N, C-alpha and C. Protein backbone atom coordinates (compact mmCIF):
# COMPACT_ATOMS: atom_id res chain seq x y z
N MET A 1 0.84 -1.18 0.00
CA MET A 1 0.00 0.00 0.00
C MET A 1 0.89 1.24 0.00
N LEU A 2 0.59 2.15 -0.87
CA LEU A 2 1.26 3.43 -0.92
C LEU A 2 0.54 4.39 0.02
N VAL A 3 1.27 5.05 0.91
CA VAL A 3 0.68 6.01 1.84
C VAL A 3 1.18 7.40 1.46
N ILE A 4 0.23 8.31 1.22
CA ILE A 4 0.55 9.67 0.80
C ILE A 4 -0.11 10.64 1.77
N THR A 5 0.62 11.64 2.22
CA THR A 5 0.06 12.67 3.09
C THR A 5 -0.39 13.84 2.24
N ARG A 6 -1.63 14.27 2.43
CA ARG A 6 -2.19 15.41 1.69
C ARG A 6 -2.90 16.31 2.68
N LYS A 7 -2.92 17.60 2.39
CA LYS A 7 -3.66 18.57 3.18
C LYS A 7 -4.94 18.91 2.43
N SER A 8 -5.86 19.57 3.13
CA SER A 8 -7.10 19.99 2.50
C SER A 8 -6.79 20.84 1.27
N GLY A 9 -7.45 20.53 0.17
CA GLY A 9 -7.22 21.25 -1.09
C GLY A 9 -6.18 20.59 -1.99
N GLU A 10 -5.39 19.68 -1.43
CA GLU A 10 -4.40 18.97 -2.23
C GLU A 10 -4.99 17.68 -2.78
N GLY A 11 -4.36 17.13 -3.79
CA GLY A 11 -4.90 15.94 -4.42
C GLY A 11 -3.83 15.00 -4.92
N ILE A 12 -4.30 13.92 -5.51
CA ILE A 12 -3.43 12.95 -6.18
C ILE A 12 -4.09 12.56 -7.49
N CYS A 13 -3.28 12.13 -8.44
CA CYS A 13 -3.79 11.66 -9.73
C CYS A 13 -3.47 10.18 -9.88
N LEU A 14 -4.47 9.44 -10.38
CA LEU A 14 -4.28 8.04 -10.70
C LEU A 14 -4.27 7.95 -12.22
N GLY A 15 -3.09 7.93 -12.78
CA GLY A 15 -2.97 7.99 -14.23
C GLY A 15 -3.48 9.31 -14.75
N ASP A 16 -3.93 9.31 -16.00
CA ASP A 16 -4.47 10.52 -16.60
C ASP A 16 -5.97 10.65 -16.41
N ASP A 17 -6.60 9.60 -15.85
CA ASP A 17 -8.05 9.52 -15.86
C ASP A 17 -8.76 9.84 -14.55
N VAL A 18 -8.04 9.78 -13.42
CA VAL A 18 -8.71 9.95 -12.13
C VAL A 18 -7.91 10.93 -11.27
N LYS A 19 -8.63 11.90 -10.69
CA LYS A 19 -8.02 12.83 -9.75
C LYS A 19 -8.83 12.79 -8.46
N ILE A 20 -8.13 12.63 -7.32
CA ILE A 20 -8.75 12.61 -6.01
C ILE A 20 -8.24 13.82 -5.24
N THR A 21 -9.18 14.62 -4.71
CA THR A 21 -8.83 15.84 -3.99
C THR A 21 -9.37 15.76 -2.57
N VAL A 22 -8.55 16.14 -1.60
CA VAL A 22 -9.01 16.23 -0.21
C VAL A 22 -9.79 17.53 -0.10
N LEU A 23 -11.09 17.41 0.19
CA LEU A 23 -11.94 18.60 0.28
C LEU A 23 -11.97 19.18 1.68
N GLU A 24 -12.02 18.29 2.69
CA GLU A 24 -12.17 18.76 4.06
C GLU A 24 -11.70 17.68 5.02
N ILE A 25 -11.09 18.10 6.11
CA ILE A 25 -10.69 17.19 7.17
C ILE A 25 -11.31 17.72 8.46
N THR A 26 -12.17 16.90 9.07
CA THR A 26 -12.82 17.28 10.32
C THR A 26 -12.66 16.14 11.30
N GLY A 27 -11.83 16.30 12.31
CA GLY A 27 -11.58 15.22 13.26
C GLY A 27 -11.01 14.02 12.54
N SER A 28 -11.71 12.88 12.64
CA SER A 28 -11.23 11.66 11.98
C SER A 28 -11.94 11.42 10.65
N THR A 29 -12.68 12.42 10.16
CA THR A 29 -13.40 12.28 8.90
C THR A 29 -12.72 13.08 7.80
N VAL A 30 -12.56 12.45 6.66
CA VAL A 30 -11.96 13.11 5.50
C VAL A 30 -12.97 13.09 4.36
N ARG A 31 -13.25 14.24 3.78
CA ARG A 31 -14.14 14.31 2.60
C ARG A 31 -13.25 14.38 1.37
N LEU A 32 -13.53 13.48 0.41
CA LEU A 32 -12.75 13.41 -0.82
C LEU A 32 -13.63 13.77 -2.01
N GLY A 33 -13.04 14.43 -2.98
CA GLY A 33 -13.69 14.65 -4.26
C GLY A 33 -12.99 13.79 -5.30
N ILE A 34 -13.76 13.12 -6.14
CA ILE A 34 -13.19 12.22 -7.14
C ILE A 34 -13.64 12.68 -8.52
N GLU A 35 -12.68 12.98 -9.36
CA GLU A 35 -12.97 13.34 -10.75
C GLU A 35 -12.54 12.19 -11.64
N ALA A 36 -13.53 11.61 -12.34
CA ALA A 36 -13.26 10.50 -13.24
C ALA A 36 -14.31 10.51 -14.34
N SER A 37 -13.98 9.96 -15.49
CA SER A 37 -14.96 9.88 -16.56
C SER A 37 -16.07 8.94 -16.15
N ARG A 38 -17.24 9.09 -16.74
CA ARG A 38 -18.40 8.27 -16.39
C ARG A 38 -18.18 6.79 -16.67
N GLU A 39 -17.22 6.46 -17.52
CA GLU A 39 -16.94 5.06 -17.85
C GLU A 39 -16.22 4.34 -16.71
N ILE A 40 -15.67 5.09 -15.76
CA ILE A 40 -14.95 4.48 -14.64
C ILE A 40 -15.88 4.42 -13.44
N PRO A 41 -16.26 3.21 -13.01
CA PRO A 41 -17.15 3.11 -11.85
C PRO A 41 -16.41 3.51 -10.58
N VAL A 42 -17.09 4.24 -9.71
CA VAL A 42 -16.53 4.65 -8.42
C VAL A 42 -17.53 4.25 -7.35
N TYR A 43 -17.11 3.40 -6.42
CA TYR A 43 -17.97 2.91 -5.35
C TYR A 43 -17.26 3.07 -4.01
N ARG A 44 -18.04 3.24 -2.94
CA ARG A 44 -17.48 3.11 -1.60
C ARG A 44 -17.13 1.64 -1.43
N GLU A 45 -16.09 1.37 -0.68
CA GLU A 45 -15.59 0.00 -0.55
C GLU A 45 -16.66 -0.97 -0.06
N GLU A 46 -17.47 -0.58 0.93
CA GLU A 46 -18.46 -1.51 1.47
C GLU A 46 -19.54 -1.82 0.44
N ILE A 47 -19.86 -0.88 -0.43
CA ILE A 47 -20.84 -1.13 -1.49
C ILE A 47 -20.24 -2.08 -2.52
N TRP A 48 -19.01 -1.85 -2.91
CA TRP A 48 -18.34 -2.70 -3.89
C TRP A 48 -18.23 -4.14 -3.38
N GLU A 49 -17.91 -4.32 -2.09
CA GLU A 49 -17.82 -5.66 -1.52
C GLU A 49 -19.19 -6.34 -1.54
N ALA A 50 -20.26 -5.60 -1.25
CA ALA A 50 -21.61 -6.18 -1.29
C ALA A 50 -21.99 -6.61 -2.70
N VAL A 51 -21.64 -5.80 -3.69
CA VAL A 51 -21.93 -6.13 -5.09
C VAL A 51 -21.18 -7.41 -5.48
N LYS A 52 -19.91 -7.50 -5.11
CA LYS A 52 -19.12 -8.68 -5.44
C LYS A 52 -19.70 -9.93 -4.77
N GLU A 53 -20.15 -9.81 -3.51
CA GLU A 53 -20.73 -10.95 -2.81
C GLU A 53 -22.04 -11.40 -3.47
N GLU A 54 -22.87 -10.45 -3.88
CA GLU A 54 -24.11 -10.79 -4.59
C GLU A 54 -23.80 -11.51 -5.91
N ASN A 55 -22.78 -11.05 -6.61
CA ASN A 55 -22.38 -11.71 -7.86
C ASN A 55 -21.89 -13.12 -7.62
N ARG A 56 -21.12 -13.32 -6.54
CA ARG A 56 -20.64 -14.67 -6.20
C ARG A 56 -21.81 -15.59 -5.88
N ALA A 57 -22.76 -15.08 -5.09
CA ALA A 57 -23.93 -15.89 -4.72
C ALA A 57 -24.76 -16.24 -5.95
N ALA A 58 -24.94 -15.28 -6.84
CA ALA A 58 -25.73 -15.54 -8.06
C ALA A 58 -25.03 -16.56 -8.95
N ALA A 59 -23.71 -16.51 -9.01
CA ALA A 59 -22.97 -17.44 -9.85
C ALA A 59 -23.05 -18.87 -9.31
N GLN A 60 -23.28 -19.02 -8.01
CA GLN A 60 -23.35 -20.34 -7.39
C GLN A 60 -24.77 -20.91 -7.38
N THR A 61 -25.75 -20.10 -7.75
CA THR A 61 -27.14 -20.55 -7.75
C THR A 61 -27.34 -21.58 -8.85
N ASN A 62 -27.97 -22.68 -8.50
CA ASN A 62 -28.26 -23.74 -9.46
C ASN A 62 -29.55 -23.34 -10.19
N LEU A 63 -29.50 -23.20 -11.49
CA LEU A 63 -30.65 -22.74 -12.27
C LEU A 63 -31.87 -23.65 -12.13
N LYS A 64 -31.67 -24.94 -11.93
CA LYS A 64 -32.83 -25.84 -11.81
C LYS A 64 -33.58 -25.63 -10.50
N ASP A 65 -32.96 -24.96 -9.52
CA ASP A 65 -33.61 -24.70 -8.23
C ASP A 65 -34.46 -23.42 -8.26
N LEU A 66 -34.34 -22.63 -9.32
CA LEU A 66 -35.10 -21.39 -9.44
C LEU A 66 -36.52 -21.67 -9.91
N PRO A 67 -37.51 -20.89 -9.44
CA PRO A 67 -38.87 -21.09 -9.93
C PRO A 67 -38.97 -20.76 -11.42
N LYS A 68 -39.81 -21.50 -12.14
CA LYS A 68 -39.97 -21.26 -13.57
C LYS A 68 -40.89 -20.07 -13.78
N ALA A 69 -40.62 -19.28 -14.83
CA ALA A 69 -41.43 -18.10 -15.14
C ALA A 69 -42.85 -18.54 -15.49
N GLY A 70 -43.85 -17.77 -15.04
CA GLY A 70 -45.23 -18.04 -15.40
C GLY A 70 -45.93 -19.05 -14.50
N ARG A 71 -45.27 -19.51 -13.46
CA ARG A 71 -45.90 -20.49 -12.55
C ARG A 71 -46.18 -19.87 -11.22
């Protein structure tokens, strides 16, 4: 893991496509601004983990155990 120290108003760039700016620091809370093209998905980590878990569960579902449409 790369650790970078930034102050409010400062930022970092991830390649040419993503810029992250520290907007505000209040106590132990940091507000970040993320500039990225709409083609790049940006999720909070806990949301992304939930999406991945749902995808794993769906991939393991046996299709013959699902109810048939129209019944």
